[in-house]
C-alpha cells in the first residue's frame, strides 16, 4: 500500500513532465513574413490555414513600400518576405550588401501602362507626361513596356538600372515624371498615362489584363518571389511554406481571383 501511494504522485509528475516536453517539442513554428497588400497579402492569408495544419504558424506583416521588407528581413524582424521580382532583389542586395536567397517564385504581376485620359497608346500626343517608377529596376522595366508599345526606343545594351538615360529615341518628346511606385495610380489625374506595377494597379481597382493600354508580355522574367536569409531555404518550416504556396489550390485561387491580372509562375 505504501508503494502504491509513493508511485502514484511520481507517475503523475512524470506524465505531466512528458506532456509539457511534448507540447514544447511539437509546438507550431512561426514564420513572420513581410508582404505588400495585393496580391501578396491575399495569397499568404489564403494559405495560413493549410500551413497551420502542417505545424507552421504564418504571421503576416504588411508594408506599403519596396524598401522596408528587405531591411526588416536583414535585421531579423522578418523571417521571409514576398513582394519583389528577381532583378529588383539582385539590385537591392548588391546596393545594400545583403545575403538573401530565393525560396520560390510564385507569380508574375504584368506591369502595364494605364490612363484615365486616353483609351489607346495611339492617342498619346507630343509632349505628354508619362509617370514611371523611380526605383532603378522598376523604372527600367517600365521603359521596356513603353518601348514595346512603340513610344520610345532604348539602347541596344540597355540595362534596367540605366533609367531614363537609356532612352535613345523619344519621337513624341514625352516628359517623364519619376514617382514612388505606390504613388503612380494617384498620378493618373495629373499625367496622360502612368506605368504601374500590378500590385498597385490592383489596389487602385484596375485589372492589368483588362484595363492597361499596354501590358508587359507573359514571358517577362519578373516573377515575384518568396525570399529568405541565406541558409534558411532548406529548413523544414520554409520547405513547408514552399510546398503550400505552390499548390494547385493556390494556383486556382490566383487565377480565379485576379482573372489574368496576376499569373502563377509554378
C-alpha atoms as a PDB file:
ATOM      1  CA  UNK A   1       0.000   0.000   0.000  1.00  0.00           C
ATOM      2  CA  UNK A   2       2.841   2.380   0.811  1.00  0.00           C
ATOM      3  CA  UNK A   3       4.480   1.553  -2.552  1.00  0.00           C
ATOM      4  CA  UNK A   4       1.270   2.436  -4.413  1.00  0.00           C
ATOM      5  CA  UNK A   5       0.945   5.726  -2.512  1.00  0.00           C
ATOM      6  CA  UNK A   6       4.503   6.698  -3.417  1.00  0.00           C
ATOM      7  CA  UNK A   7       4.212   5.568  -7.065  1.00  0.00           C
ATOM      8  CA  UNK A   8       1.039   7.476  -7.880  1.00  0.00           C
ATOM      9  CA  UNK A   9       2.395  11.028  -7.451  1.00  0.00           C
ATOM     10  CA  UNK A  10       5.665  10.060  -9.178  1.00  0.00           C
ATOM     11  CA  UNK A  11       3.738   8.680 -12.135  1.00  0.00           C
ATOM     12  CA  UNK A  12       1.553  11.775 -12.329  1.00  0.00           C
ATOM     13  CA  UNK A  13       4.585  14.066 -12.186  1.00  0.00           C
ATOM     14  CA  UNK A  14       6.323  12.092 -14.918  1.00  0.00           C
ATOM     15  CA  UNK A  15       3.240  12.222 -17.088  1.00  0.00           C
ATOM     16  CA  UNK A  16       2.929  15.981 -16.618  1.00  0.00           C
ATOM     17  CA  UNK A  17       6.610  16.478 -17.410  1.00  0.00           C
ATOM     18  CA  UNK A  18       6.293  14.398 -20.570  1.00  0.00           C
ATOM     19  CA  UNK A  19       3.189  16.301 -21.627  1.00  0.00           C
ATOM     20  CA  UNK A  20       4.987  19.603 -21.091  1.00  0.00           C
ATOM     21  CA  UNK A  21       8.001  18.390 -23.036  1.00  0.00           C
ATOM     22  CA  UNK A  22       5.829  17.051 -25.860  1.00  0.00           C
ATOM     23  CA  UNK A  23       3.885  20.293 -26.056  1.00  0.00           C
ATOM     24  CA  UNK A  24       7.026  22.370 -26.452  1.00  0.00           C
ATOM     25  CA  UNK A  25       8.657  19.887 -28.812  1.00  0.00           C
ATOM     26  CA  UNK A  26       5.687  19.817 -31.164  1.00  0.00           C
ATOM     27  CA  UNK A  27       4.607  23.441 -30.850  1.00  0.00           C
ATOM     28  CA  UNK A  28       3.891  25.145 -34.157  1.00  0.00           C
ATOM     29  CA  UNK A  29       6.867  27.006 -35.613  1.00  0.00           C
ATOM     30  CA  UNK A  30       6.195  30.633 -36.559  1.00  0.00           C
ATOM     31  CA  UNK A  31       7.299  32.274 -39.801  1.00  0.00           C
ATOM     32  CA  UNK A  32       6.980  36.046 -39.825  1.00  0.00           C
ATOM     33  CA  UNK A  33       6.584  37.099 -43.462  1.00  0.00           C
ATOM     34  CA  UNK A  34       6.561  40.635 -44.850  1.00  0.00           C
ATOM     35  CA  UNK A  35       4.320  41.382 -47.831  1.00  0.00           C
ATOM     36  CA  UNK A  36       2.770  44.210 -49.804  1.00  0.00           C
ATOM     37  CA  UNK A  37      -1.048  44.179 -49.708  1.00  0.00           C
ATOM     38  CA  UNK A  38      -2.233  42.968 -53.111  1.00  0.00           C
ATOM     39  CA  UNK A  39      -1.832  40.232 -54.216  1.00  0.00           C
ATOM     40  CA  UNK A  40       0.842  39.081 -51.779  1.00  0.00           C
ATOM     41  CA  UNK A  41      -1.156  39.509 -48.567  1.00  0.00           C
ATOM     42  CA  UNK A  42      -4.149  37.847 -50.221  1.00  0.00           C
ATOM     43  CA  UNK A  43      -2.077  34.801 -51.157  1.00  0.00           C
ATOM     44  CA  UNK A  44      -0.365  34.292 -47.800  1.00  0.00           C
ATOM     45  CA  UNK A  45      -3.588  34.791 -45.854  1.00  0.00           C
ATOM     46  CA  UNK A  46      -5.179  32.181 -48.104  1.00  0.00           C
ATOM     47  CA  UNK A  47      -2.505  29.604 -47.226  1.00  0.00           C
ATOM     48  CA  UNK A  48      -2.413  30.277 -43.463  1.00  0.00           C
ATOM     49  CA  UNK A  49      -4.952  27.556 -42.549  1.00  0.00           C
ATOM     50  CA  UNK A  50      -3.166  24.898 -44.607  1.00  0.00           C
ATOM     51  CA  UNK A  51       0.219  25.826 -43.159  1.00  0.00           C
ATOM     52  CA  UNK A  52      -1.245  25.652 -39.663  1.00  0.00           C
ATOM     53  CA  UNK A  53      -2.199  22.022 -40.395  1.00  0.00           C
ATOM     54  CA  UNK A  54       1.454  21.467 -41.326  1.00  0.00           C
ATOM     55  CA  UNK A  55       2.571  22.827 -37.950  1.00  0.00           C
ATOM     56  CA  UNK A  56       3.635  26.277 -39.197  1.00  0.00           C
ATOM     57  CA  UNK A  57       2.091  29.468 -37.868  1.00  0.00           C
ATOM     58  CA  UNK A  58       2.306  32.209 -40.520  1.00  0.00           C
ATOM     59  CA  UNK A  59       2.393  35.753 -39.144  1.00  0.00           C
ATOM     60  CA  UNK A  60       1.737  38.319 -41.894  1.00  0.00           C
ATOM     61  CA  UNK A  61       3.191  41.846 -41.757  1.00  0.00           C
ATOM     62  CA  UNK A  62       2.098  44.308 -44.456  1.00  0.00           C
ATOM     63  CA  UNK A  63       4.288  47.041 -45.953  1.00  0.00           C
ATOM     64  CA  UNK A  64       3.466  49.776 -48.459  1.00  0.00           C
ATOM     65  CA  UNK A  65       6.924  50.258 -49.947  1.00  0.00           C
ATOM     66  CA  UNK A  66       9.654  48.223 -51.614  1.00  0.00           C
ATOM     67  CA  UNK A  67      12.497  49.047 -49.206  1.00  0.00           C
ATOM     68  CA  UNK A  68      11.465  48.147 -45.653  1.00  0.00           C
ATOM     69  CA  UNK A  69      10.604  44.457 -46.259  1.00  0.00           C
ATOM     70  CA  UNK A  70      14.203  43.694 -47.259  1.00  0.00           C
ATOM     71  CA  UNK A  71      15.728  45.761 -44.474  1.00  0.00           C
ATOM     72  CA  UNK A  72      13.427  44.063 -41.948  1.00  0.00           C
ATOM     73  CA  UNK A  73      14.436  40.635 -43.255  1.00  0.00           C
ATOM     74  CA  UNK A  74      18.102  41.534 -42.908  1.00  0.00           C
ATOM     75  CA  UNK A  75      17.614  42.782 -39.337  1.00  0.00           C
ATOM     76  CA  UNK A  76      15.731  39.551 -38.480  1.00  0.00           C
ATOM     77  CA  UNK A  77      12.492  41.378 -37.765  1.00  0.00           C
ATOM     78  CA  UNK A  78      11.117  39.114 -40.506  1.00  0.00           C
ATOM     79  CA  UNK A  79      11.850  35.502 -41.388  1.00  0.00           C
ATOM     80  CA  UNK A  80      10.841  35.877 -45.041  1.00  0.00           C
ATOM     81  CA  UNK A  81       9.324  38.368 -47.458  1.00  0.00           C
ATOM     82  CA  UNK A  82       7.188  38.126 -50.561  1.00  0.00           C
ATOM     83  CA  UNK A  83       6.800  41.274 -52.646  1.00  0.00           C
ATOM     84  CA  UNK A  84       9.624  41.624 -55.170  1.00  0.00           C
ATOM     85  CA  UNK A  85      10.969  40.489 -58.521  1.00  0.00           C
ATOM     86  CA  UNK A  86      14.309  38.763 -59.033  1.00  0.00           C
ATOM     87  CA  UNK A  87      16.006  41.737 -60.777  1.00  0.00           C
ATOM     88  CA  UNK A  88      14.857  44.089 -58.006  1.00  0.00           C
ATOM     89  CA  UNK A  89      16.109  41.642 -55.351  1.00  0.00           C
ATOM     90  CA  UNK A  90      19.504  41.299 -57.030  1.00  0.00           C
ATOM     91  CA  UNK A  91      19.994  45.040 -57.383  1.00  0.00           C
ATOM     92  CA  UNK A  92      18.819  45.775 -53.824  1.00  0.00           C
ATOM     93  CA  UNK A  93      21.115  43.113 -52.340  1.00  0.00           C
ATOM     94  CA  UNK A  94      24.019  44.479 -54.368  1.00  0.00           C
ATOM     95  CA  UNK A  95      23.443  48.048 -53.187  1.00  0.00           C
ATOM     96  CA  UNK A  96      22.855  47.158 -49.532  1.00  0.00           C
ATOM     97  CA  UNK A  97      25.256  44.201 -49.293  1.00  0.00           C
ATOM     98  CA  UNK A  98      22.552  41.752 -48.200  1.00  0.00           C
ATOM     99  CA  UNK A  99      22.830  37.967 -48.230  1.00  0.00           C
ATOM    100  CA  UNK A 100      19.444  36.524 -49.204  1.00  0.00           C
ATOM    101  CA  UNK A 101      18.240  33.576 -51.245  1.00  0.00           C
ATOM    102  CA  UNK A 102      15.079  32.805 -53.193  1.00  0.00           C
ATOM    103  CA  UNK A 103      12.776  30.195 -51.699  1.00  0.00           C
ATOM    104  CA  UNK A 104      10.397  30.016 -54.667  1.00  0.00           C
ATOM    105  CA  UNK A 105       8.855  32.051 -57.494  1.00  0.00           C
ATOM    106  CA  UNK A 106       5.082  32.352 -57.082  1.00  0.00           C
ATOM    107  CA  UNK A 107       3.557  34.706 -59.631  1.00  0.00           C
ATOM    108  CA  UNK A 108       4.004  37.363 -62.294  1.00  0.00           C
ATOM    109  CA  UNK A 109       2.329  40.747 -61.981  1.00  0.00           C
ATOM    110  CA  UNK A 110       2.416  42.131 -65.528  1.00  0.00           C
ATOM    111  CA  UNK A 111       3.383  45.800 -65.433  1.00  0.00           C
ATOM    112  CA  UNK A 112       1.104  47.972 -67.521  1.00  0.00           C
ATOM    113  CA  UNK A 113       0.519  51.447 -68.927  1.00  0.00           C
ATOM    114  CA  UNK A 114      -2.735  52.985 -67.658  1.00  0.00           C
ATOM    115  CA  UNK A 115      -4.602  56.177 -68.424  1.00  0.00           C
ATOM    116  CA  UNK A 116      -7.765  57.978 -67.379  1.00  0.00           C
ATOM    117  CA  UNK A 117      -7.486  60.327 -70.361  1.00  0.00           C
ATOM    118  CA  UNK A 118      -6.835  58.159 -73.420  1.00  0.00           C
ATOM    119  CA  UNK A 119      -8.099  54.752 -74.490  1.00  0.00           C
ATOM    120  CA  UNK A 120      -5.106  53.592 -76.517  1.00  0.00           C
ATOM    121  CA  UNK A 121      -1.395  54.200 -76.974  1.00  0.00           C
ATOM    122  CA  UNK A 122      -2.186  55.804 -80.350  1.00  0.00           C
ATOM    123  CA  UNK A 123      -3.956  58.650 -78.518  1.00  0.00           C
ATOM    124  CA  UNK A 124      -0.809  59.748 -76.672  1.00  0.00           C
ATOM    125  CA  UNK A 125       0.380  63.071 -78.112  1.00  0.00           C
ATOM    126  CA  UNK A 126       3.613  65.007 -78.433  1.00  0.00           C
ATOM    127  CA  UNK A 127       4.845  66.398 -75.127  1.00  0.00           C
ATOM    128  CA  UNK A 128       2.506  64.317 -72.949  1.00  0.00           C
ATOM    129  CA  UNK A 129       3.595  63.462 -69.416  1.00  0.00           C
ATOM    130  CA  UNK A 130       4.153  59.803 -68.558  1.00  0.00           C
ATOM    131  CA  UNK A 131       4.703  58.710 -64.953  1.00  0.00           C
ATOM    132  CA  UNK A 132       7.171  55.883 -64.246  1.00  0.00           C
ATOM    133  CA  UNK A 133       8.522  54.203 -61.076  1.00  0.00           C
ATOM    134  CA  UNK A 134      11.562  55.917 -59.601  1.00  0.00           C
ATOM    135  CA  UNK A 135      13.445  52.855 -58.307  1.00  0.00           C
ATOM    136  CA  UNK A 136      16.124  51.560 -60.694  1.00  0.00           C
ATOM    137  CA  UNK A 137      14.903  48.132 -61.801  1.00  0.00           C
ATOM    138  CA  UNK A 138      11.209  49.019 -61.905  1.00  0.00           C
ATOM    139  CA  UNK A 139      11.956  52.150 -63.936  1.00  0.00           C
ATOM    140  CA  UNK A 140      13.943  50.103 -66.437  1.00  0.00           C
ATOM    141  CA  UNK A 141      11.143  47.579 -66.583  1.00  0.00           C
ATOM    142  CA  UNK A 142       8.614  50.378 -67.183  1.00  0.00           C
ATOM    143  CA  UNK A 143      10.711  51.737 -70.040  1.00  0.00           C
ATOM    144  CA  UNK A 144      10.651  48.273 -71.613  1.00  0.00           C
ATOM    145  CA  UNK A 145       6.847  48.435 -71.511  1.00  0.00           C
ATOM    146  CA  UNK A 146       6.950  51.808 -73.250  1.00  0.00           C
ATOM    147  CA  UNK A 147       9.416  50.520 -75.828  1.00  0.00           C
ATOM    148  CA  UNK A 148       7.218  47.509 -76.601  1.00  0.00           C
ATOM    149  CA  UNK A 149       4.306  49.928 -77.013  1.00  0.00           C
ATOM    150  CA  UNK A 150       6.320  51.863 -79.618  1.00  0.00           C
ATOM    151  CA  UNK A 151       6.617  55.068 -77.589  1.00  0.00           C
ATOM    152  CA  UNK A 152      10.391  55.079 -77.054  1.00  0.00           C
ATOM    153  CA  UNK A 153      13.473  53.220 -78.214  1.00  0.00           C
ATOM    154  CA  UNK A 154      16.123  52.045 -75.769  1.00  0.00           C
ATOM    155  CA  UNK A 155      19.841  51.468 -76.284  1.00  0.00           C
ATOM    156  CA  UNK A 156      20.798  48.029 -77.599  1.00  0.00           C
ATOM    157  CA  UNK A 157      22.808  47.371 -74.449  1.00  0.00           C
ATOM    158  CA  UNK A 158      20.122  48.836 -72.168  1.00  0.00           C
ATOM    159  CA  UNK A 159      20.284  47.668 -68.556  1.00  0.00           C
ATOM    160  CA  UNK A 160      17.424  48.003 -66.083  1.00  0.00           C
ATOM    161  CA  UNK A 161      19.477  50.360 -63.957  1.00  0.00           C
ATOM    162  CA  UNK A 162      20.158  52.755 -66.864  1.00  0.00           C
ATOM    163  CA  UNK A 163      16.875  54.552 -66.273  1.00  0.00           C
ATOM    164  CA  UNK A 164      15.852  57.459 -68.474  1.00  0.00           C
ATOM    165  CA  UNK A 165      19.423  57.799 -69.700  1.00  0.00           C
ATOM    166  CA  UNK A 166      18.937  54.589 -71.652  1.00  0.00           C
ATOM    167  CA  UNK A 167      16.371  56.167 -73.986  1.00  0.00           C
ATOM    168  CA  UNK A 168      17.918  56.814 -77.421  1.00  0.00           C
ATOM    169  CA  UNK A 169      14.749  57.801 -79.270  1.00  0.00           C
ATOM    170  CA  UNK A 170      11.732  59.697 -77.939  1.00  0.00           C
ATOM    171  CA  UNK A 171       9.836  60.754 -81.091  1.00  0.00           C
ATOM    172  CA  UNK A 172       6.902  62.301 -79.192  1.00  0.00           C
ATOM    173  CA  UNK A 173       9.260  64.136 -76.833  1.00  0.00           C
ATOM    174  CA  UNK A 174       7.385  62.630 -73.913  1.00  0.00           C
ATOM    175  CA  UNK A 175       8.060  64.114 -70.497  1.00  0.00           C
ATOM    176  CA  UNK A 176       8.714  61.583 -67.781  1.00  0.00           C
ATOM    177  CA  UNK A 177       7.641  62.022 -64.163  1.00  0.00           C
ATOM    178  CA  UNK A 178       9.513  59.744 -61.755  1.00  0.00           C
ATOM    179  CA  UNK A 179       7.490  58.758 -58.682  1.00  0.00           C
ATOM    180  CA  UNK A 180       7.435  56.265 -55.831  1.00  0.00           C
ATOM    181  CA  UNK A 181       5.646  53.167 -57.198  1.00  0.00           C
ATOM    182  CA  UNK A 182       2.801  53.472 -54.681  1.00  0.00           C
ATOM    183  CA  UNK A 183       2.005  56.984 -55.955  1.00  0.00           C
ATOM    184  CA  UNK A 184       1.677  56.039 -59.619  1.00  0.00           C
ATOM    185  CA  UNK A 185      -2.090  55.309 -59.609  1.00  0.00           C
ATOM    186  CA  UNK A 186      -2.800  58.668 -57.942  1.00  0.00           C
ATOM    187  CA  UNK A 187      -0.730  60.437 -60.591  1.00  0.00           C
ATOM    188  CA  UNK A 188      -3.239  59.484 -63.302  1.00  0.00           C
ATOM    189  CA  UNK A 189      -5.170  62.701 -62.706  1.00  0.00           C
ATOM    190  CA  UNK A 190      -2.075  64.762 -63.460  1.00  0.00           C
ATOM    191  CA  UNK A 191      -0.386  62.869 -66.298  1.00  0.00           C
ATOM    192  CA  UNK A 192      -1.512  61.426 -69.605  1.00  0.00           C
ATOM    193  CA  UNK A 193      -0.554  57.885 -68.610  1.00  0.00           C
ATOM    194  CA  UNK A 194       1.307  56.014 -65.912  1.00  0.00           C
ATOM    195  CA  UNK A 195       3.296  52.776 -65.920  1.00  0.00           C
ATOM    196  CA  UNK A 196       2.138  50.960 -62.788  1.00  0.00           C
ATOM    197  CA  UNK A 197       3.241  47.783 -61.017  1.00  0.00           C
ATOM    198  CA  UNK A 198       0.335  45.328 -61.000  1.00  0.00           C
ATOM    199  CA  UNK A 199       0.031  45.165 -57.214  1.00  0.00           C
ATOM    200  CA  UNK A 200      -0.603  48.919 -57.017  1.00  0.00           C
ATOM    201  CA  UNK A 201      -2.841  48.784 -60.090  1.00  0.00           C
ATOM    202  CA  UNK A 202      -4.949  46.092 -58.430  1.00  0.00           C
ATOM    203  CA  UNK A 203      -5.180  48.121 -55.225  1.00  0.00           C
ATOM    204  CA  UNK A 204      -6.438  51.058 -57.290  1.00  0.00           C
ATOM    205  CA  UNK A 205      -9.184  48.930 -58.824  1.00  0.00           C
ATOM    206  CA  UNK A 206      -7.551  48.163 -62.184  1.00  0.00           C
ATOM    207  CA  UNK A 207      -7.201  44.729 -63.741  1.00  0.00           C
ATOM    208  CA  UNK A 208      -3.993  44.631 -65.798  1.00  0.00           C
ATOM    209  CA  UNK A 209      -5.441  42.181 -68.304  1.00  0.00           C
ATOM    210  CA  UNK A 210      -8.489  44.380 -68.948  1.00  0.00           C
ATOM    211  CA  UNK A 211      -7.579  47.998 -68.181  1.00  0.00           C
ATOM    212  CA  UNK A 212      -3.969  48.507 -69.296  1.00  0.00           C
ATOM    213  CA  UNK A 213      -3.492  50.216 -72.668  1.00  0.00           C
ATOM    214  CA  UNK A 214      -0.107  48.469 -72.949  1.00  0.00           C
ATOM    215  CA  UNK A 215       0.934  45.401 -70.991  1.00  0.00           C
ATOM    216  CA  UNK A 216       4.128  43.532 -70.253  1.00  0.00           C
ATOM    217  CA  UNK A 217       4.477  40.213 -72.075  1.00  0.00           C
ATOM    218  CA  UNK A 218       3.669  36.979 -70.215  1.00  0.00           C
ATOM    219  CA  UNK A 219       7.213  35.822 -70.969  1.00  0.00           C
ATOM    220  CA  UNK A 220       8.545  38.538 -68.639  1.00  0.00           C
ATOM    221  CA  UNK A 221      11.325  37.410 -66.259  1.00  0.00           C
ATOM    222  CA  UNK A 222       9.872  39.500 -63.425  1.00  0.00           C
ATOM    223  CA  UNK A 223       8.259  36.787 -61.347  1.00  0.00           C
ATOM    224  CA  UNK A 224       7.536  37.654 -57.716  1.00  0.00           C
ATOM    225  CA  UNK A 225       9.481  35.518 -55.258  1.00  0.00           C
ATOM    226  CA  UNK A 226       9.494  34.480 -51.621  1.00  0.00           C
ATOM    227  CA  UNK A 227      12.865  35.453 -50.158  1.00  0.00           C
ATOM    228  CA  UNK A 228      14.674  34.266 -47.012  1.00  0.00           C
ATOM    229  CA  UNK A 229      18.068  34.823 -45.459  1.00  0.00           C
ATOM    230  CA  UNK A 230      20.910  32.789 -46.925  1.00  0.00           C
ATOM    231  CA  UNK A 231      20.930  29.294 -45.449  1.00  0.00           C
ATOM    232  CA  UNK A 232      17.285  29.229 -44.370  1.00  0.00           C
ATOM    233  CA  UNK A 233      15.644  27.852 -47.508  1.00  0.00           C
ATOM    234  CA  UNK A 234      16.227  24.188 -46.635  1.00  0.00           C
ATOM    235  CA  UNK A 235      14.780  24.438 -43.137  1.00  0.00           C
ATOM    236  CA  UNK A 236      11.687  22.298 -42.673  1.00  0.00           C
ATOM    237  CA  UNK A 237       9.273  25.158 -41.967  1.00  0.00           C
ATOM    238  CA  UNK A 238      10.329  27.049 -45.101  1.00  0.00           C
ATOM    239  CA  UNK A 239      10.072  23.905 -47.219  1.00  0.00           C
ATOM    240  CA  UNK A 240       6.508  23.511 -45.966  1.00  0.00           C
ATOM    241  CA  UNK A 241       5.827  27.128 -46.941  1.00  0.00           C
ATOM    242  CA  UNK A 242       7.276  26.474 -50.387  1.00  0.00           C
ATOM    243  CA  UNK A 243       5.122  23.386 -50.866  1.00  0.00           C
ATOM    244  CA  UNK A 244       1.876  25.034 -49.774  1.00  0.00           C
ATOM    245  CA  UNK A 245       2.327  28.338 -51.628  1.00  0.00           C
ATOM    246  CA  UNK A 246       2.874  26.476 -54.913  1.00  0.00           C
ATOM    247  CA  UNK A 247      -0.024  24.056 -54.500  1.00  0.00           C
ATOM    248  CA  UNK A 248      -2.795  23.556 -57.100  1.00  0.00           C
ATOM    249  CA  UNK A 249      -5.175  25.266 -54.673  1.00  0.00           C
ATOM    250  CA  UNK A 250      -3.089  28.441 -54.693  1.00  0.00           C
ATOM    251  CA  UNK A 251      -2.805  28.362 -58.478  1.00  0.00           C
ATOM    252  CA  UNK A 252      -6.593  28.191 -58.773  1.00  0.00           C
ATOM    253  CA  UNK A 253      -7.023  30.927 -56.139  1.00  0.00           C
ATOM    254  CA  UNK A 254      -4.765  33.308 -58.079  1.00  0.00           C
ATOM    255  CA  UNK A 255      -6.380  32.549 -61.430  1.00  0.00           C
ATOM    256  CA  UNK A 256      -9.938  32.866 -60.109  1.00  0.00           C
ATOM    257  CA  UNK A 257      -9.377  35.983 -58.028  1.00  0.00           C
ATOM    258  CA  UNK A 258      -7.299  38.075 -60.443  1.00  0.00           C
ATOM    259  CA  UNK A 259      -8.604  36.933 -63.825  1.00  0.00           C
ATOM    260  CA  UNK A 260      -5.293  37.328 -65.637  1.00  0.00           C
ATOM    261  CA  UNK A 261      -4.130  40.325 -63.622  1.00  0.00           C
ATOM    262  CA  UNK A 262      -1.778  38.033 -61.697  1.00  0.00           C
ATOM    263  CA  UNK A 263      -0.302  34.938 -63.347  1.00  0.00           C
ATOM    264  CA  UNK A 264       1.037  31.889 -61.408  1.00  0.00           C
ATOM    265  CA  UNK A 265       4.618  31.003 -62.324  1.00  0.00           C
ATOM    266  CA  UNK A 266       4.621  27.456 -60.965  1.00  0.00           C
END
